[in-house]
Amino acid sequence: MDHGPAAELGQDNASDIKARIGLILFVIYGLVYLGFVALNTLSPKIMSESSLFGLNLAVVYGFGLIVLPIVMGLIYNAVCARYEKRLNTEGKDTP
């Protein structure tokens, strides 16, 4: 007894731009993470210095590495939803 998907899936005209946006965000996060690794490797004493709210830079940077992908995911979702709506409904009669 087979059943198909709950919704009919068609061609996604926005898939190319969504992939490009995803790659751009991945590279941005990779560069931020590379900065974290570079600081720890090349100048670890900087990471122990006090920065925001009396916390050392390692803790602040670490929390940033946790929060950044969440924010990037929300941005990705909002931008991609806009592109999907525009590119997947062009030429269709919408009421």
PDB file of N, CA and C in Angstrom:
ATOM      1  N   MET A   1       0.856  -1.175   0.000  1.00  0.00           N
ATOM      2  CA  MET A   1       0.000   0.000   0.000  1.00  0.00           C
ATOM      3  C   MET A   1       0.900   1.235   0.000  1.00  0.00           C
ATOM      4  N   ASP A   2       1.063   1.851  -1.165  1.00  0.00           N
ATOM      5  CA  ASP A   2       1.882   3.046  -1.303  1.00  0.00           C
ATOM      6  C   ASP A   2       1.032   4.301  -1.246  1.00  0.00           C
ATOM      7  N   HIS A   3       1.637   5.333  -0.780  1.00  0.00           N
ATOM      8  CA  HIS A   3       1.002   6.638  -0.862  1.00  0.00           C
ATOM      9  C   HIS A   3       2.065   7.646  -1.245  1.00  0.00           C
ATOM     10  N   GLY A   4       1.641   8.650  -1.962  1.00  0.00           N
ATOM     11  CA  GLY A   4       2.560   9.678  -2.432  1.00  0.00           C
ATOM     12  C   GLY A   4       2.734  10.760  -1.393  1.00  0.00           C
ATOM     13  N   PRO A   5       3.454  11.790  -1.759  1.00  0.00           N
ATOM     14  CA  PRO A   5       3.637  12.910  -0.826  1.00  0.00           C
ATOM     15  C   PRO A   5       2.317  13.625  -0.554  1.00  0.00           C
ATOM     16  N   ALA A   6       2.253  14.298   0.566  1.00  0.00           N
ATOM     17  CA  ALA A   6       1.030  14.989   0.966  1.00  0.00           C
ATOM     18  C   ALA A   6       0.703  16.132   0.016  1.00  0.00           C
ATOM     19  N   ALA A   7       1.727  16.731  -0.571  1.00  0.00           N
ATOM     20  CA  ALA A   7       1.514  17.841  -1.496  1.00  0.00           C
ATOM     21  C   ALA A   7       2.149  17.477  -2.835  1.00  0.00           C
ATOM     22  N   GLU A   8       1.542  17.966  -3.894  1.00  0.00           N
ATOM     23  CA  GLU A   8       2.097  17.713  -5.215  1.00  0.00           C
ATOM     24  C   GLU A   8       3.374  18.547  -5.377  1.00  0.00           C
ATOM     25  N   LEU A   9       4.436  17.871  -5.731  1.00  0.00           N
ATOM     26  CA  LEU A   9       5.710  18.550  -5.899  1.00  0.00           C
ATOM     27  C   LEU A   9       5.942  18.818  -7.380  1.00  0.00           C
ATOM     28  N   GLY A  10       6.268  20.041  -7.681  1.00  0.00           N
ATOM     29  CA  GLY A  10       6.564  20.418  -9.062  1.00  0.00           C
ATOM     30  C   GLY A  10       7.992  20.901  -9.169  1.00  0.00           C
ATOM     31  N   GLN A  11       8.298  21.512 -10.284  1.00  0.00           N
ATOM     32  CA  GLN A  11       9.638  22.046 -10.481  1.00  0.00           C
ATOM     33  C   GLN A  11       9.810  23.315  -9.656  1.00  0.00           C
ATOM     34  N   ASP A  12      10.957  23.421  -9.013  1.00  0.00           N
ATOM     35  CA  ASP A  12      11.270  24.601  -8.217  1.00  0.00           C
ATOM     36  C   ASP A  12      12.134  25.526  -9.062  1.00  0.00           C
ATOM     37  N   ASN A  13      11.556  26.598  -9.550  1.00  0.00           N
ATOM     38  CA  ASN A  13      12.278  27.543 -10.399  1.00  0.00           C
ATOM     39  C   ASN A  13      13.306  28.362  -9.621  1.00  0.00           C
ATOM     40  N   ALA A  14      13.228  28.328  -8.311  1.00  0.00           N
ATOM     41  CA  ALA A  14      14.136  29.110  -7.476  1.00  0.00           C
ATOM     42  C   ALA A  14      15.295  28.278  -6.940  1.00  0.00           C
ATOM     43  N   SER A  15      15.429  27.032  -7.365  1.00  0.00           N
ATOM     44  CA  SER A  15      16.442  26.158  -6.771  1.00  0.00           C
ATOM     45  C   SER A  15      17.863  26.646  -7.033  1.00  0.00           C
ATOM     46  N   ASP A  16      18.127  27.224  -8.198  1.00  0.00           N
ATOM     47  CA  ASP A  16      19.485  27.712  -8.486  1.00  0.00           C
ATOM     48  C   ASP A  16      19.885  28.854  -7.552  1.00  0.00           C
ATOM     49  N   ILE A  17      18.992  29.810  -7.387  1.00  0.00           N
ATOM     50  CA  ILE A  17      19.320  30.952  -6.523  1.00  0.00           C
ATOM     51  C   ILE A  17      19.387  30.526  -5.062  1.00  0.00           C
ATOM     52  N   LYS A  18      18.551  29.554  -4.665  1.00  0.00           N
ATOM     53  CA  LYS A  18      18.605  29.069  -3.284  1.00  0.00           C
ATOM     54  C   LYS A  18      19.926  28.365  -3.011  1.00  0.00           C
ATOM     55  N   ALA A  19      20.415  27.616  -3.977  1.00  0.00           N
ATOM     56  CA  ALA A  19      21.708  26.951  -3.814  1.00  0.00           C
ATOM     57  C   ALA A  19      22.825  27.983  -3.717  1.00  0.00           C
ATOM     58  N   ARG A  20      22.764  29.018  -4.547  1.00  0.00           N
ATOM     59  CA  ARG A  20      23.784  30.067  -4.520  1.00  0.00           C
ATOM     60  C   ARG A  20      23.786  30.805  -3.186  1.00  0.00           C
ATOM     61  N   ILE A  21      22.602  31.121  -2.684  1.00  0.00           N
ATOM     62  CA  ILE A  21      22.501  31.805  -1.388  1.00  0.00           C
ATOM     63  C   ILE A  21      23.042  30.909  -0.279  1.00  0.00           C
ATOM     64  N   GLY A  22      22.705  29.630  -0.319  1.00  0.00           N
ATOM     65  CA  GLY A  22      23.206  28.692   0.678  1.00  0.00           C
ATOM     66  C   GLY A  22      24.721  28.603   0.663  1.00  0.00           C
ATOM     67  N   LEU A  23      25.304  28.566  -0.518  1.00  0.00           N
ATOM     68  CA  LEU A  23      26.763  28.513  -0.620  1.00  0.00           C
ATOM     69  C   LEU A  23      27.415  29.793  -0.099  1.00  0.00           C
ATOM     70  N   ILE A  24      26.812  30.933  -0.398  1.00  0.00           N
ATOM     71  CA  ILE A  24      27.352  32.204   0.092  1.00  0.00           C
ATOM     72  C   ILE A  24      27.329  32.237   1.616  1.00  0.00           C
ATOM     73  N   LEU A  25      26.216  31.835   2.209  1.00  0.00           N
ATOM     74  CA  LEU A  25      26.118  31.828   3.671  1.00  0.00           C
ATOM     75  C   LEU A  25      27.085  30.816   4.280  1.00  0.00           C
ATOM     76  N   PHE A  26      27.269  29.679   3.615  1.00  0.00           N
ATOM     77  CA  PHE A  26      28.225  28.680   4.089  1.00  0.00           C
ATOM     78  C   PHE A  26      29.644  29.236   4.091  1.00  0.00           C
ATOM     79  N   VAL A  27      30.010  29.942   3.025  1.00  0.00           N
ATOM     80  CA  VAL A  27      31.349  30.528   2.944  1.00  0.00           C
ATOM     81  C   VAL A  27      31.534  31.588   4.025  1.00  0.00           C
ATOM     82  N   ILE A  28      30.517  32.406   4.245  1.00  0.00           N
ATOM     83  CA  ILE A  28      30.608  33.435   5.292  1.00  0.00           C
ATOM     84  C   ILE A  28      30.829  32.779   6.648  1.00  0.00           C
ATOM     85  N   TYR A  29      30.050  31.743   6.961  1.00  0.00           N
ATOM     86  CA  TYR A  29      30.221  31.068   8.247  1.00  0.00           C
ATOM     87  C   TYR A  29      31.589  30.397   8.325  1.00  0.00           C
ATOM     88  N   GLY A  30      32.020  29.801   7.224  1.00  0.00           N
ATOM     89  CA  GLY A  30      33.335  29.175   7.201  1.00  0.00           C
ATOM     90  C   GLY A  30      34.449  30.163   7.488  1.00  0.00           C
ATOM     91  N   LEU A  31      34.343  31.370   6.935  1.00  0.00           N
ATOM     92  CA  LEU A  31      35.354  32.395   7.187  1.00  0.00           C
ATOM     93  C   LEU A  31      35.334  32.854   8.643  1.00  0.00           C
ATOM     94  N   VAL A  32      34.143  32.985   9.219  1.00  0.00           N
ATOM     95  CA  VAL A  32      34.044  33.373  10.630  1.00  0.00           C
ATOM     96  C   VAL A  32      34.660  32.281  11.506  1.00  0.00           C
ATOM     97  N   TYR A  33      34.366  31.034  11.190  1.00  0.00           N
ATOM     98  CA  TYR A  33      34.935  29.923  11.957  1.00  0.00           C
ATOM     99  C   TYR A  33      36.446  29.845  11.765  1.00  0.00           C
ATOM    100  N   LEU A  34      36.908  30.082  10.540  1.00  0.00           N
ATOM    101  CA  LEU A  34      38.343  30.103  10.271  1.00  0.00           C
ATOM    102  C   LEU A  34      39.027  31.180  11.109  1.00  0.00           C
ATOM    103  N   GLY A  35      38.381  32.323  11.278  1.00  0.00           N
ATOM    104  CA  GLY A  35      38.919  33.377  12.131  1.00  0.00           C
ATOM    105  C   GLY A  35      39.053  32.916  13.577  1.00  0.00           C
ATOM    106  N   PHE A  36      38.060  32.162  14.046  1.00  0.00           N
ATOM    107  CA  PHE A  36      38.100  31.620  15.411  1.00  0.00           C
ATOM    108  C   PHE A  36      39.277  30.667  15.576  1.00  0.00           C
ATOM    109  N   VAL A  37      39.432  29.765  14.624  1.00  0.00           N
ATOM    110  CA  VAL A  37      40.528  28.794  14.680  1.00  0.00           C
ATOM    111  C   VAL A  37      41.879  29.503  14.569  1.00  0.00           C
ATOM    112  N   ALA A  38      41.965  30.481  13.675  1.00  0.00           N
ATOM    113  CA  ALA A  38      43.219  31.218  13.494  1.00  0.00           C
ATOM    114  C   ALA A  38      43.604  31.972  14.766  1.00  0.00           C
ATOM    115  N   LEU A  39      42.625  32.623  15.395  1.00  0.00           N
ATOM    116  CA  LEU A  39      42.920  33.324  16.648  1.00  0.00           C
ATOM    117  C   LEU A  39      43.415  32.364  17.723  1.00  0.00           C
ATOM    118  N   ASN A  40      42.767  31.224  17.833  1.00  0.00           N
ATOM    119  CA  ASN A  40      43.178  30.240  18.834  1.00  0.00           C
ATOM    120  C   ASN A  40      44.551  29.661  18.542  1.00  0.00           C
ATOM    121  N   THR A  41      44.879  29.529  17.276  1.00  0.00           N
ATOM    122  CA  THR A  41      46.156  28.931  16.899  1.00  0.00           C
ATOM    123  C   THR A  41      47.291  29.935  16.967  1.00  0.00           C
ATOM    124  N   LEU A  42      47.079  31.107  16.389  1.00  0.00           N
ATOM    125  CA  LEU A  42      48.158  32.069  16.241  1.00  0.00           C
ATOM    126  C   LEU A  42      48.339  32.984  17.448  1.00  0.00           C
ATOM    127  N   SER A  43      47.253  33.267  18.140  1.00  0.00           N
ATOM    128  CA  SER A  43      47.344  34.198  19.271  1.00  0.00           C
ATOM    129  C   SER A  43      46.346  33.809  20.368  1.00  0.00           C
ATOM    130  N   PRO A  44      46.593  32.704  21.043  1.00  0.00           N
ATOM    131  CA  PRO A  44      45.624  32.233  22.038  1.00  0.00           C
ATOM    132  C   PRO A  44      45.442  33.160  23.238  1.00  0.00           C
ATOM    133  N   LYS A  45      46.415  33.990  23.536  1.00  0.00           N
ATOM    134  CA  LYS A  45      46.276  34.902  24.685  1.00  0.00           C
ATOM    135  C   LYS A  45      45.163  35.924  24.457  1.00  0.00           C
ATOM    136  N   ILE A  46      44.925  36.286  23.204  1.00  0.00           N
ATOM    137  CA  ILE A  46      43.845  37.235  22.893  1.00  0.00           C
ATOM    138  C   ILE A  46      42.502  36.663  23.327  1.00  0.00           C
ATOM    139  N   MET A  47      42.339  35.354  23.193  1.00  0.00           N
ATOM    140  CA  MET A  47      41.061  34.732  23.536  1.00  0.00           C
ATOM    141  C   MET A  47      40.760  34.811  25.031  1.00  0.00           C
ATOM    142  N   SER A  48      41.757  35.007  25.858  1.00  0.00           N
ATOM    143  CA  SER A  48      41.515  35.083  27.306  1.00  0.00           C
ATOM    144  C   SER A  48      41.234  36.502  27.778  1.00  0.00           C
ATOM    145  N   GLU A  49      41.379  37.466  26.891  1.00  0.00           N
ATOM    146  CA  GLU A  49      41.140  38.858  27.277  1.00  0.00           C
ATOM    147  C   GLU A  49      39.648  39.127  27.430  1.00  0.00           C
ATOM    148  N   SER A  50      39.327  39.980  28.372  1.00  0.00           N
ATOM    149  CA  SER A  50      37.940  40.344  28.648  1.00  0.00           C
ATOM    150  C   SER A  50      37.399  41.209  27.520  1.00  0.00           C
ATOM    151  N   SER A  51      36.152  40.935  27.106  1.00  0.00           N
ATOM    152  CA  SER A  51      35.586  41.725  26.010  1.00  0.00           C
ATOM    153  C   SER A  51      34.183  42.222  26.345  1.00  0.00           C
ATOM    154  N   LEU A  52      33.182  41.451  26.129  1.00  0.00           N
ATOM    155  CA  LEU A  52      31.789  41.881  26.266  1.00  0.00           C
ATOM    156  C   LEU A  52      31.211  41.386  27.597  1.00  0.00           C
ATOM    157  N   PHE A  53      30.656  42.279  28.378  1.00  0.00           N
ATOM    158  CA  PHE A  53      30.047  41.959  29.680  1.00  0.00           C
ATOM    159  C   PHE A  53      31.020  41.253  30.611  1.00  0.00           C
ATOM    160  N   GLY A  54      32.313  41.504  30.458  1.00  0.00           N
ATOM    161  CA  GLY A  54      33.310  40.892  31.314  1.00  0.00           C
ATOM    162  C   GLY A  54      33.672  39.463  30.938  1.00  0.00           C
ATOM    163  N   LEU A  55      33.056  38.940  29.876  1.00  0.00           N
ATOM    164  CA  LEU A  55      33.373  37.586  29.418  1.00  0.00           C
ATOM    165  C   LEU A  55      34.603  37.627  28.537  1.00  0.00           C
ATOM    166  N   ASN A  56      35.349  36.533  28.530  1.00  0.00           N
ATOM    167  CA  ASN A  56      36.519  36.535  27.665  1.00  0.00           C
ATOM    168  C   ASN A  56      36.094  36.337  26.202  1.00  0.00           C
ATOM    169  N   LEU A  57      36.991  36.661  25.301  1.00  0.00           N
ATOM    170  CA  LEU A  57      36.682  36.624  23.870  1.00  0.00           C
ATOM    171  C   LEU A  57      36.327  35.225  23.390  1.00  0.00           C
ATOM    172  N   ALA A  58      36.916  34.199  23.983  1.00  0.00           N
ATOM    173  CA  ALA A  58      36.617  32.824  23.576  1.00  0.00           C
ATOM    174  C   ALA A  58      35.136  32.496  23.797  1.00  0.00           C
ATOM    175  N   VAL A  59      34.595  32.919  24.929  1.00  0.00           N
ATOM    176  CA  VAL A  59      33.184  32.645  25.226  1.00  0.00           C
ATOM    177  C   VAL A  59      32.282  33.449  24.296  1.00  0.00           C
ATOM    178  N   VAL A  60      32.587  34.721  24.115  1.00  0.00           N
ATOM    179  CA  VAL A  60      31.768  35.577  23.249  1.00  0.00           C
ATOM    180  C   VAL A  60      31.803  35.057  21.813  1.00  0.00           C
ATOM    181  N   TYR A  61      32.993  34.752  21.317  1.00  0.00           N
ATOM    182  CA  TYR A  61      33.154  34.238  19.959  1.00  0.00           C
ATOM    183  C   TYR A  61      32.433  32.896  19.821  1.00  0.00           C
ATOM    184  N   GLY A  62      32.542  32.039  20.841  1.00  0.00           N
ATOM    185  CA  GLY A  62      31.875  30.740  20.818  1.00  0.00           C
ATOM    186  C   GLY A  62      30.364  30.872  20.738  1.00  0.00           C
ATOM    187  N   PHE A  63      29.804  31.760  21.561  1.00  0.00           N
ATOM    188  CA  PHE A  63      28.364  31.989  21.483  1.00  0.00           C
ATOM    189  C   PHE A  63      27.975  32.576  20.129  1.00  0.00           C
ATOM    190  N   GLY A  64      28.839  33.429  19.600  1.00  0.00           N
ATOM    191  CA  GLY A  64      28.593  33.965  18.258  1.00  0.00           C
ATOM    192  C   GLY A  64      28.548  32.869  17.217  1.00  0.00           C
ATOM    193  N   LEU A  65      29.428  31.868  17.354  1.00  0.00           N
ATOM    194  CA  LEU A  65      29.434  30.746  16.417  1.00  0.00           C
ATOM    195  C   LEU A  65      28.192  29.871  16.555  1.00  0.00           C
ATOM    196  N   ILE A  66      27.533  29.950  17.680  1.00  0.00           N
ATOM    197  CA  ILE A  66      26.279  29.218  17.872  1.00  0.00           C
ATOM    198  C   ILE A  66      25.093  30.021  17.334  1.00  0.00           C
ATOM    199  N   VAL A  67      25.075  31.314  17.618  1.00  0.00           N
ATOM    200  CA  VAL A  67      23.941  32.162  17.243  1.00  0.00           C
ATOM    201  C   VAL A  67      23.962  32.510  15.748  1.00  0.00           C
ATOM    202  N   LEU A  68      25.141  32.685  15.178  1.00  0.00           N
ATOM    203  CA  LEU A  68      25.255  33.094  13.781  1.00  0.00           C
ATOM    204  C   LEU A  68      24.529  32.161  12.815  1.00  0.00           C
ATOM    205  N   PRO A  69      24.679  30.838  12.898  1.00  0.00           N
ATOM    206  CA  PRO A  69      23.953  29.998  11.943  1.00  0.00           C
ATOM    207  C   PRO A  69      22.436  30.031  12.133  1.00  0.00           C
ATOM    208  N   ILE A  70      21.992  30.288  13.351  1.00  0.00           N
ATOM    209  CA  ILE A  70      20.547  30.414  13.568  1.00  0.00           C
ATOM    210  C   ILE A  70      20.033  31.651  12.841  1.00  0.00           C
ATOM    211  N   VAL A  71      20.738  32.760  13.002  1.00  0.00           N
ATOM    212  CA  VAL A  71      20.357  34.000  12.313  1.00  0.00           C
ATOM    213  C   VAL A  71      20.466  33.817  10.806  1.00  0.00           C
ATOM    214  N   MET A  72      21.539  33.165  10.356  1.00  0.00           N
ATOM    215  CA  MET A  72      21.708  32.937   8.923  1.00  0.00           C
ATOM    216  C   MET A  72      20.598  32.045   8.366  1.00  0.00           C
ATOM    217  N   GLY A  73      20.166  31.062   9.152  1.00  0.00           N
ATOM    218  CA  GLY A  73      19.064  30.202   8.722  1.00  0.00           C
ATOM    219  C   GLY A  73      17.769  30.970   8.571  1.00  0.00           C
ATOM    220  N   LEU A  74      17.513  31.883   9.486  1.00  0.00           N
ATOM    221  CA  LEU A  74      16.306  32.711   9.379  1.00  0.00           C
ATOM    222  C   LEU A  74      16.376  33.630   8.158  1.00  0.00           C
ATOM    223  N   ILE A  75      17.550  34.189   7.915  1.00  0.00           N
ATOM    224  CA  ILE A  75      17.735  35.030   6.730  1.00  0.00           C
ATOM    225  C   ILE A  75      17.555  34.202   5.466  1.00  0.00           C
ATOM    226  N   TYR A  76      18.173  33.018   5.435  1.00  0.00           N
ATOM    227  CA  TYR A  76      18.057  32.125   4.274  1.00  0.00           C
ATOM    228  C   TYR A  76      16.594  31.791   4.000  1.00  0.00           C
ATOM    229  N   ASN A  77      15.866  31.449   5.048  1.00  0.00           N
ATOM    230  CA  ASN A  77      14.462  31.089   4.884  1.00  0.00           C
ATOM    231  C   ASN A  77      13.645  32.255   4.336  1.00  0.00           C
ATOM    232  N   ALA A  78      13.854  33.446   4.863  1.00  0.00           N
ATOM    233  CA  ALA A  78      13.086  34.613   4.422  1.00  0.00           C
ATOM    234  C   ALA A  78      13.402  34.956   2.968  1.00  0.00           C
ATOM    235  N   VAL A  79      14.684  34.957   2.618  1.00  0.00           N
ATOM    236  CA  VAL A  79      15.076  35.315   1.251  1.00  0.00           C
ATOM    237  C   VAL A  79      14.594  34.256   0.260  1.00  0.00           C
ATOM    238  N   CYS A  80      14.776  32.982   0.605  1.00  0.00           N
ATOM    239  CA  CYS A  80      14.363  31.912  -0.303  1.00  0.00           C
ATOM    240  C   CYS A  80      12.850  31.861  -0.475  1.00  0.00           C
ATOM    241  N   ALA A  81      12.119  32.116   0.591  1.00  0.00           N
ATOM    242  CA  ALA A  81      10.658  32.132   0.484  1.00  0.00           C
ATOM    243  C   ALA A  81      10.212  33.225  -0.480  1.00  0.00           C
ATOM    244  N   ARG A  82      10.880  34.364  -0.422  1.00  0.00           N
ATOM    245  CA  ARG A  82      10.549  35.465  -1.338  1.00  0.00           C
ATOM    246  C   ARG A  82      10.832  35.063  -2.787  1.00  0.00           C
ATOM    247  N   TYR A  83      11.993  34.446  -3.022  1.00  0.00           N
ATOM    248  CA  TYR A  83      12.327  34.004  -4.378  1.00  0.00           C
ATOM    249  C   TYR A  83      11.387  32.903  -4.855  1.00  0.00           C
ATOM    250  N   GLU A  84      11.039  31.954  -3.988  1.00  0.00           N
ATOM    251  CA  GLU A  84      10.115  30.889  -4.365  1.00  0.00           C
ATOM    252  C   GLU A  84       8.764  31.459  -4.765  1.00  0.00           C
ATOM    253  N   LYS A  85       8.295  32.391  -3.970  1.00  0.00           N
ATOM    254  CA  LYS A  85       6.982  32.978  -4.261  1.00  0.00           C
ATOM    255  C   LYS A  85       7.010  33.704  -5.600  1.00  0.00           C
ATOM    256  N   ARG A  86       8.079  34.454  -5.849  1.00  0.00           N
ATOM    257  CA  ARG A  86       8.164  35.225  -7.085  1.00  0.00           C
ATOM    258  C   ARG A  86       8.409  34.340  -8.302  1.00  0.00           C
ATOM    259  N   LEU A  87       9.346  33.412  -8.211  1.00  0.00           N
ATOM    260  CA  LEU A  87       9.733  32.634  -9.385  1.00  0.00           C
ATOM    261  C   LEU A  87       8.820  31.450  -9.666  1.00  0.00           C
ATOM    262  N   ASN A  88       8.195  30.893  -8.643  1.00  0.00           N
ATOM    263  CA  ASN A  88       7.331  29.730  -8.854  1.00  0.00           C
ATOM    264  C   ASN A  88       5.891  30.101  -9.169  1.00  0.00           C
ATOM    265  N   THR A  89       5.536  31.371  -9.034  1.00  0.00           N
ATOM    266  CA  THR A  89       4.166  31.776  -9.362  1.00  0.00           C
ATOM    267  C   THR A  89       4.106  32.684 -10.583  1.00  0.00           C
ATOM    268  N   GLU A  90       5.279  32.992 -11.191  1.00  0.00           N
ATOM    269  CA  GLU A  90       5.264  33.830 -12.399  1.00  0.00           C
ATOM    270  C   GLU A  90       4.536  33.091 -13.522  1.00  0.00           C
ATOM    271  N   GLY A  91       3.665  33.801 -14.179  1.00  0.00           N
ATOM    272  CA  GLY A  91       2.946  33.248 -15.310  1.00  0.00           C
ATOM    273  C   GLY A  91       1.736  32.419 -14.930  1.00  0.00           C
ATOM    274  N   LYS A  92       1.489  32.218 -13.659  1.00  0.00           N
ATOM    275  CA  LYS A  92       0.311  31.481 -13.211  1.00  0.00           C
ATOM    276  C   LYS A  92      -0.797  32.461 -12.873  1.00  0.00           C
ATOM    277  N   ASP A  93      -1.999  32.048 -13.095  1.00  0.00           N
ATOM    278  CA  ASP A  93      -3.141  32.874 -12.685  1.00  0.00           C
ATOM    279  C   ASP A  93      -3.363  32.676 -11.214  1.00  0.00           C
ATOM    280  N   THR A  94      -3.121  33.708 -10.453  1.00  0.00           N
ATOM    281  CA  THR A  94      -3.393  33.645  -9.016  1.00  0.00           C
ATOM    282  C   THR A  94      -4.588  34.521  -8.715  1.00  0.00           C
ATOM    283  N   PRO A  95      -5.524  34.006  -7.953  1.00  0.00           N
ATOM    284  CA  PRO A  95      -6.722  34.795  -7.642  1.00  0.00           C
ATOM    285  C   PRO A  95      -6.468  35.930  -6.705  1.00  0.00           C
TER     286      PRO A  95
END
